[in-house]
Amino acid sequence: MLVDGAILNNVPVDAMRDRVGSGQVIVVDVNPREDLVVDVSLERFGPLDVLTRLFSRRTEKLPTLPEILVRAGIVGGIAHRDQTKAMADLLIEPPVGRFPLIGYGQAHTIAQVGQDAARARLS
């Protein structure tokens, strides 16, 4: 099993092909299929804008640093991920986008979603 951590090759099918030779490669892609558009109402992020939002009753949510980093990784890896997924013998994409990135408290639910997706794909 190879896991990259979404830094260089977040779906390492090519590396796995080199290892298994003629064996089958099964990919479980848990990257969220999320809309990567920017809310134009949040286009200003200067210090004064942030302070104004903190002390006003406005409800829009500014992205956190981890969210920005995750999105940068998603955008950076989309083209390569699509190319490598096409090399898989079986592709399973469980619908896990509704769960937080570090949703350890929901591990059993997430595992069940993955299990259901695998069963559906295998049948």
N, C-alpha and C. Protein backbone atom coordinates (compact mmCIF):
# COMPACT_ATOMS: atom_id res chain seq x y z
N MET A 1 0.86 -1.18 0.00
CA MET A 1 0.00 0.00 0.00
C MET A 1 0.90 1.23 0.00
N LEU A 2 0.57 2.19 -0.86
CA LEU A 2 1.33 3.43 -0.90
C LEU A 2 0.39 4.59 -0.58
N VAL A 3 0.85 5.47 0.27
CA VAL A 3 0.10 6.66 0.61
C VAL A 3 1.07 7.82 0.56
N ASP A 4 0.67 8.89 -0.13
CA ASP A 4 1.58 10.01 -0.31
C ASP A 4 1.28 11.17 0.61
N GLY A 5 0.07 11.32 1.05
CA GLY A 5 -0.27 12.44 1.91
C GLY A 5 -0.61 13.69 1.13
N ALA A 6 -0.93 13.56 -0.14
CA ALA A 6 -1.40 14.66 -0.98
C ALA A 6 -0.36 15.74 -1.21
N ILE A 7 0.89 15.40 -1.16
CA ILE A 7 1.91 16.41 -1.39
C ILE A 7 2.42 16.35 -2.83
N LEU A 8 2.94 15.22 -3.25
CA LEU A 8 3.50 15.12 -4.59
C LEU A 8 2.63 14.31 -5.54
N ASN A 9 2.12 13.21 -5.05
CA ASN A 9 1.38 12.28 -5.90
C ASN A 9 0.26 11.69 -5.06
N ASN A 10 -0.87 12.38 -5.00
CA ASN A 10 -1.89 11.97 -4.04
C ASN A 10 -2.72 10.77 -4.47
N VAL A 11 -2.51 10.25 -5.66
CA VAL A 11 -3.10 8.98 -6.07
C VAL A 11 -1.97 8.21 -6.78
N PRO A 12 -1.11 7.52 -6.01
CA PRO A 12 0.13 6.96 -6.55
C PRO A 12 -0.04 5.66 -7.35
N VAL A 13 -0.94 5.68 -8.34
CA VAL A 13 -1.16 4.50 -9.17
C VAL A 13 0.10 4.14 -9.95
N ASP A 14 0.77 5.13 -10.50
CA ASP A 14 1.97 4.86 -11.29
C ASP A 14 3.05 4.17 -10.45
N ALA A 15 3.23 4.61 -9.22
CA ALA A 15 4.22 3.98 -8.34
C ALA A 15 3.79 2.56 -7.97
N MET A 16 2.51 2.37 -7.77
CA MET A 16 2.01 1.03 -7.42
C MET A 16 2.15 0.08 -8.61
N ARG A 17 1.88 0.57 -9.81
CA ARG A 17 2.05 -0.26 -11.02
C ARG A 17 3.47 -0.78 -11.10
N ASP A 18 4.44 0.08 -10.79
CA ASP A 18 5.85 -0.34 -10.82
C ASP A 18 6.11 -1.45 -9.82
N ARG A 19 5.41 -1.43 -8.68
CA ARG A 19 5.63 -2.43 -7.63
C ARG A 19 4.94 -3.75 -7.90
N VAL A 20 3.70 -3.71 -8.38
CA VAL A 20 2.92 -4.93 -8.48
C VAL A 20 3.06 -5.61 -9.84
N GLY A 21 3.62 -4.93 -10.80
CA GLY A 21 3.78 -5.54 -12.12
C GLY A 21 2.44 -5.85 -12.76
N SER A 22 2.09 -7.13 -12.81
CA SER A 22 0.87 -7.52 -13.50
C SER A 22 -0.34 -7.61 -12.57
N GLY A 23 -0.18 -7.31 -11.30
CA GLY A 23 -1.31 -7.35 -10.37
C GLY A 23 -2.28 -6.21 -10.60
N GLN A 24 -3.41 -6.29 -9.94
CA GLN A 24 -4.42 -5.25 -10.08
C GLN A 24 -4.18 -4.13 -9.07
N VAL A 25 -4.48 -2.92 -9.52
CA VAL A 25 -4.34 -1.75 -8.67
C VAL A 25 -5.73 -1.18 -8.41
N ILE A 26 -6.08 -1.12 -7.12
CA ILE A 26 -7.37 -0.58 -6.70
C ILE A 26 -7.10 0.78 -6.05
N VAL A 27 -7.79 1.79 -6.53
CA VAL A 27 -7.63 3.14 -6.00
C VAL A 27 -8.88 3.53 -5.23
N VAL A 28 -8.67 4.02 -4.02
CA VAL A 28 -9.76 4.61 -3.25
C VAL A 28 -9.38 6.09 -3.10
N ASP A 29 -10.09 6.92 -3.85
CA ASP A 29 -9.80 8.35 -3.86
C ASP A 29 -10.77 9.06 -2.92
N VAL A 30 -10.26 9.60 -1.83
CA VAL A 30 -11.11 10.27 -0.85
C VAL A 30 -11.00 11.79 -0.92
N ASN A 31 -10.39 12.28 -1.99
CA ASN A 31 -10.34 13.73 -2.16
C ASN A 31 -11.74 14.26 -2.38
N PRO A 32 -12.07 15.33 -1.68
CA PRO A 32 -13.43 15.87 -1.85
C PRO A 32 -13.60 16.47 -3.24
N ARG A 33 -14.75 16.23 -3.82
CA ARG A 33 -15.10 16.83 -5.10
C ARG A 33 -15.83 18.11 -4.77
N GLU A 34 -15.09 19.12 -4.36
CA GLU A 34 -15.74 20.34 -3.94
C GLU A 34 -15.57 21.44 -4.96
N ASP A 35 -16.49 22.37 -4.91
CA ASP A 35 -16.46 23.52 -5.78
C ASP A 35 -15.35 24.44 -5.27
N LEU A 36 -14.38 24.75 -6.10
CA LEU A 36 -13.24 25.54 -5.67
C LEU A 36 -13.37 27.01 -6.06
N VAL A 37 -14.58 27.52 -6.12
CA VAL A 37 -14.77 28.92 -6.45
C VAL A 37 -14.58 29.76 -5.19
N VAL A 38 -14.31 31.03 -5.40
CA VAL A 38 -14.10 31.96 -4.30
C VAL A 38 -15.34 32.82 -4.14
N ASP A 39 -15.76 33.02 -2.91
CA ASP A 39 -16.88 33.91 -2.63
C ASP A 39 -16.40 35.34 -2.83
N VAL A 40 -16.91 36.03 -3.84
CA VAL A 40 -16.42 37.36 -4.16
C VAL A 40 -16.72 38.37 -3.05
N SER A 41 -17.65 38.08 -2.18
CA SER A 41 -17.90 39.01 -1.07
C SER A 41 -16.75 38.99 -0.06
N LEU A 42 -15.87 37.99 -0.17
CA LEU A 42 -14.73 37.88 0.75
C LEU A 42 -13.42 38.26 0.07
N GLU A 43 -13.48 39.05 -0.98
CA GLU A 43 -12.27 39.30 -1.76
C GLU A 43 -11.27 40.20 -1.06
N ARG A 44 -11.67 40.89 0.01
CA ARG A 44 -10.73 41.76 0.72
C ARG A 44 -10.34 41.12 2.04
N PHE A 45 -9.03 40.95 2.24
CA PHE A 45 -8.54 40.26 3.43
C PHE A 45 -7.52 41.09 4.20
N GLY A 46 -7.50 42.41 4.01
CA GLY A 46 -6.56 43.24 4.74
C GLY A 46 -6.85 43.23 6.22
N PRO A 47 -5.89 43.68 7.03
CA PRO A 47 -6.07 43.68 8.49
C PRO A 47 -7.32 44.44 8.94
N LEU A 48 -7.57 45.59 8.31
CA LEU A 48 -8.75 46.37 8.68
C LEU A 48 -10.04 45.63 8.33
N ASP A 49 -10.05 44.94 7.19
CA ASP A 49 -11.22 44.17 6.78
C ASP A 49 -11.49 43.03 7.77
N VAL A 50 -10.44 42.36 8.20
CA VAL A 50 -10.59 41.26 9.15
C VAL A 50 -11.13 41.78 10.48
N LEU A 51 -10.59 42.89 10.97
CA LEU A 51 -11.07 43.46 12.23
C LEU A 51 -12.53 43.90 12.10
N THR A 52 -12.87 44.51 10.98
CA THR A 52 -14.25 44.93 10.77
C THR A 52 -15.19 43.74 10.83
N ARG A 53 -14.80 42.63 10.21
CA ARG A 53 -15.64 41.42 10.23
C ARG A 53 -15.75 40.84 11.64
N LEU A 54 -14.65 40.90 12.40
CA LEU A 54 -14.67 40.36 13.75
C LEU A 54 -15.66 41.09 14.65
N PHE A 55 -15.77 42.40 14.48
CA PHE A 55 -16.60 43.19 15.38
C PHE A 55 -17.95 43.57 14.79
N SER A 56 -18.26 43.06 13.62
CA SER A 56 -19.57 43.33 13.03
C SER A 56 -20.43 42.08 13.15
N ARG A 57 -21.64 42.18 12.71
CA ARG A 57 -22.56 41.03 12.78
C ARG A 57 -22.58 40.27 11.47
N ARG A 58 -21.63 40.53 10.61
CA ARG A 58 -21.59 39.82 9.33
C ARG A 58 -21.25 38.35 9.58
N THR A 59 -21.85 37.47 8.80
CA THR A 59 -21.74 36.04 9.10
C THR A 59 -20.82 35.28 8.15
N GLU A 60 -20.29 35.92 7.12
CA GLU A 60 -19.44 35.14 6.21
C GLU A 60 -18.20 34.64 6.94
N LYS A 61 -17.75 33.49 6.52
CA LYS A 61 -16.64 32.82 7.19
C LYS A 61 -15.38 32.97 6.35
N LEU A 62 -14.34 33.51 6.95
CA LEU A 62 -13.06 33.60 6.26
C LEU A 62 -12.38 32.23 6.29
N PRO A 63 -11.69 31.86 5.22
CA PRO A 63 -11.01 30.56 5.24
C PRO A 63 -9.86 30.55 6.23
N THR A 64 -9.66 29.41 6.86
CA THR A 64 -8.54 29.26 7.80
C THR A 64 -7.29 28.87 7.01
N LEU A 65 -6.14 28.98 7.63
CA LEU A 65 -4.89 28.62 6.97
C LEU A 65 -4.90 27.15 6.53
N PRO A 66 -5.33 26.20 7.39
CA PRO A 66 -5.38 24.81 6.91
C PRO A 66 -6.31 24.62 5.71
N GLU A 67 -7.45 25.33 5.69
CA GLU A 67 -8.36 25.22 4.54
C GLU A 67 -7.70 25.74 3.27
N ILE A 68 -6.96 26.83 3.39
CA ILE A 68 -6.26 27.39 2.23
C ILE A 68 -5.21 26.40 1.74
N LEU A 69 -4.45 25.80 2.65
CA LEU A 69 -3.42 24.84 2.26
C LEU A 69 -4.00 23.60 1.61
N VAL A 70 -5.12 23.09 2.15
CA VAL A 70 -5.77 21.92 1.57
C VAL A 70 -6.24 22.23 0.17
N ARG A 71 -6.87 23.38 -0.01
CA ARG A 71 -7.36 23.76 -1.34
C ARG A 71 -6.21 23.93 -2.32
N ALA A 72 -5.09 24.49 -1.87
CA ALA A 72 -3.93 24.64 -2.74
C ALA A 72 -3.43 23.27 -3.19
N GLY A 73 -3.42 22.32 -2.27
CA GLY A 73 -3.01 20.96 -2.62
C GLY A 73 -3.96 20.31 -3.60
N ILE A 74 -5.25 20.55 -3.42
CA ILE A 74 -6.27 19.98 -4.32
C ILE A 74 -6.09 20.54 -5.72
N VAL A 75 -5.97 21.87 -5.81
CA VAL A 75 -5.82 22.51 -7.12
C VAL A 75 -4.53 22.04 -7.79
N GLY A 76 -3.46 21.98 -7.02
CA GLY A 76 -2.17 21.58 -7.57
C GLY A 76 -2.13 20.15 -8.06
N GLY A 77 -2.96 19.29 -7.48
CA GLY A 77 -2.88 17.88 -7.85
C GLY A 77 -3.98 17.36 -8.75
N ILE A 78 -4.93 18.23 -9.15
CA ILE A 78 -6.08 17.76 -9.91
C ILE A 78 -5.68 17.10 -11.22
N ALA A 79 -4.86 17.75 -12.03
CA ALA A 79 -4.50 17.19 -13.34
C ALA A 79 -3.74 15.88 -13.20
N HIS A 80 -2.77 15.85 -12.31
CA HIS A 80 -1.98 14.62 -12.12
C HIS A 80 -2.85 13.51 -11.56
N ARG A 81 -3.72 13.85 -10.63
CA ARG A 81 -4.61 12.84 -10.02
C ARG A 81 -5.51 12.22 -11.07
N ASP A 82 -6.08 13.03 -11.95
CA ASP A 82 -6.96 12.49 -12.99
C ASP A 82 -6.21 11.55 -13.93
N GLN A 83 -4.96 11.90 -14.26
CA GLN A 83 -4.16 11.04 -15.14
C GLN A 83 -3.85 9.70 -14.47
N THR A 84 -3.48 9.74 -13.21
CA THR A 84 -3.11 8.49 -12.54
C THR A 84 -4.32 7.63 -12.21
N LYS A 85 -5.47 8.26 -11.90
CA LYS A 85 -6.67 7.47 -11.62
C LYS A 85 -7.09 6.67 -12.86
N ALA A 86 -6.85 7.21 -14.04
CA ALA A 86 -7.21 6.51 -15.27
C ALA A 86 -6.40 5.23 -15.44
N MET A 87 -5.29 5.09 -14.74
CA MET A 87 -4.44 3.90 -14.85
C MET A 87 -4.88 2.78 -13.89
N ALA A 88 -5.86 3.05 -13.04
CA ALA A 88 -6.29 2.06 -12.05
C ALA A 88 -7.17 0.99 -12.69
N ASP A 89 -7.11 -0.21 -12.13
CA ASP A 89 -8.01 -1.29 -12.57
C ASP A 89 -9.40 -1.10 -11.97
N LEU A 90 -9.46 -0.57 -10.78
CA LEU A 90 -10.74 -0.32 -10.11
C LEU A 90 -10.61 0.98 -9.34
N LEU A 91 -11.59 1.87 -9.53
CA LEU A 91 -11.59 3.17 -8.85
C LEU A 91 -12.83 3.26 -7.96
N ILE A 92 -12.59 3.53 -6.68
CA ILE A 92 -13.68 3.71 -5.72
C ILE A 92 -13.55 5.14 -5.18
N GLU A 93 -14.64 5.90 -5.28
CA GLU A 93 -14.65 7.27 -4.80
C GLU A 93 -15.79 7.46 -3.80
N PRO A 94 -15.55 7.10 -2.54
CA PRO A 94 -16.61 7.24 -1.54
C PRO A 94 -16.98 8.71 -1.34
N PRO A 95 -18.26 8.99 -1.14
CA PRO A 95 -18.71 10.37 -0.96
C PRO A 95 -18.42 10.88 0.46
N VAL A 96 -17.18 11.28 0.68
CA VAL A 96 -16.77 11.71 2.02
C VAL A 96 -16.57 13.22 2.14
N GLY A 97 -16.98 13.97 1.14
CA GLY A 97 -16.79 15.41 1.15
C GLY A 97 -17.50 16.14 2.28
N ARG A 98 -18.51 15.53 2.85
CA ARG A 98 -19.26 16.20 3.94
C ARG A 98 -18.56 16.07 5.30
N PHE A 99 -17.52 15.25 5.37
CA PHE A 99 -16.81 15.06 6.63
C PHE A 99 -15.61 16.00 6.71
N PRO A 100 -15.25 16.44 7.91
CA PRO A 100 -14.08 17.31 8.05
C PRO A 100 -12.80 16.54 7.74
N LEU A 101 -11.77 17.28 7.34
CA LEU A 101 -10.49 16.67 6.99
C LEU A 101 -9.93 15.83 8.13
N ILE A 102 -10.07 16.30 9.34
CA ILE A 102 -9.57 15.57 10.51
C ILE A 102 -10.77 15.12 11.33
N GLY A 103 -11.62 14.29 10.73
CA GLY A 103 -12.85 13.85 11.38
C GLY A 103 -12.69 12.55 12.13
N TYR A 104 -11.69 12.47 12.98
CA TYR A 104 -11.40 11.23 13.69
C TYR A 104 -12.58 10.76 14.54
N GLY A 105 -13.34 11.67 15.08
CA GLY A 105 -14.48 11.30 15.90
C GLY A 105 -15.59 10.63 15.10
N GLN A 106 -15.55 10.78 13.78
CA GLN A 106 -16.57 10.18 12.90
C GLN A 106 -16.00 9.01 12.11
N ALA A 107 -14.91 8.44 12.60
CA ALA A 107 -14.20 7.38 11.87
C ALA A 107 -15.11 6.21 11.51
N HIS A 108 -15.96 5.78 12.43
CA HIS A 108 -16.83 4.63 12.15
C HIS A 108 -17.82 4.94 11.03
N THR A 109 -18.37 6.15 11.05
CA THR A 109 -19.31 6.56 10.00
C THR A 109 -18.60 6.67 8.66
N ILE A 110 -17.42 7.27 8.67
CA ILE A 110 -16.64 7.42 7.43
C ILE A 110 -16.27 6.04 6.87
N ALA A 111 -15.86 5.12 7.75
CA ALA A 111 -15.52 3.77 7.30
C ALA A 111 -16.73 3.09 6.68
N GLN A 112 -17.90 3.29 7.26
CA GLN A 112 -19.12 2.69 6.72
C GLN A 112 -19.44 3.27 5.34
N VAL A 113 -19.26 4.57 5.17
CA VAL A 113 -19.48 5.21 3.87
C VAL A 113 -18.53 4.60 2.84
N GLY A 114 -17.29 4.41 3.22
CA GLY A 114 -16.31 3.80 2.33
C GLY A 114 -16.65 2.36 1.99
N GLN A 115 -17.08 1.61 2.99
CA GLN A 115 -17.48 0.22 2.80
C GLN A 115 -18.67 0.13 1.84
N ASP A 116 -19.66 0.99 2.03
CA ASP A 116 -20.83 1.01 1.15
C ASP A 116 -20.44 1.35 -0.28
N ALA A 117 -19.53 2.32 -0.45
CA ALA A 117 -19.09 2.70 -1.79
C ALA A 117 -18.33 1.54 -2.46
N ALA A 118 -17.51 0.84 -1.69
CA ALA A 118 -16.75 -0.29 -2.24
C ALA A 118 -17.71 -1.42 -2.65
N ARG A 119 -18.67 -1.73 -1.80
CA ARG A 119 -19.64 -2.79 -2.14
C ARG A 119 -20.41 -2.43 -3.40
N ALA A 120 -20.86 -1.19 -3.50
CA ALA A 120 -21.62 -0.75 -4.68
C ALA A 120 -20.77 -0.85 -5.94
N ARG A 121 -19.51 -0.47 -5.82
CA ARG A 121 -18.61 -0.50 -7.00
C ARG A 121 -18.24 -1.92 -7.39
N LEU A 122 -18.09 -2.80 -6.41
CA LEU A 122 -17.72 -4.18 -6.70
C LEU A 122 -18.89 -4.98 -7.28
N SER A 123 -20.10 -4.57 -6.99
CA SER A 123 -21.25 -5.29 -7.54
C SER A 123 -21.54 -4.79 -8.92
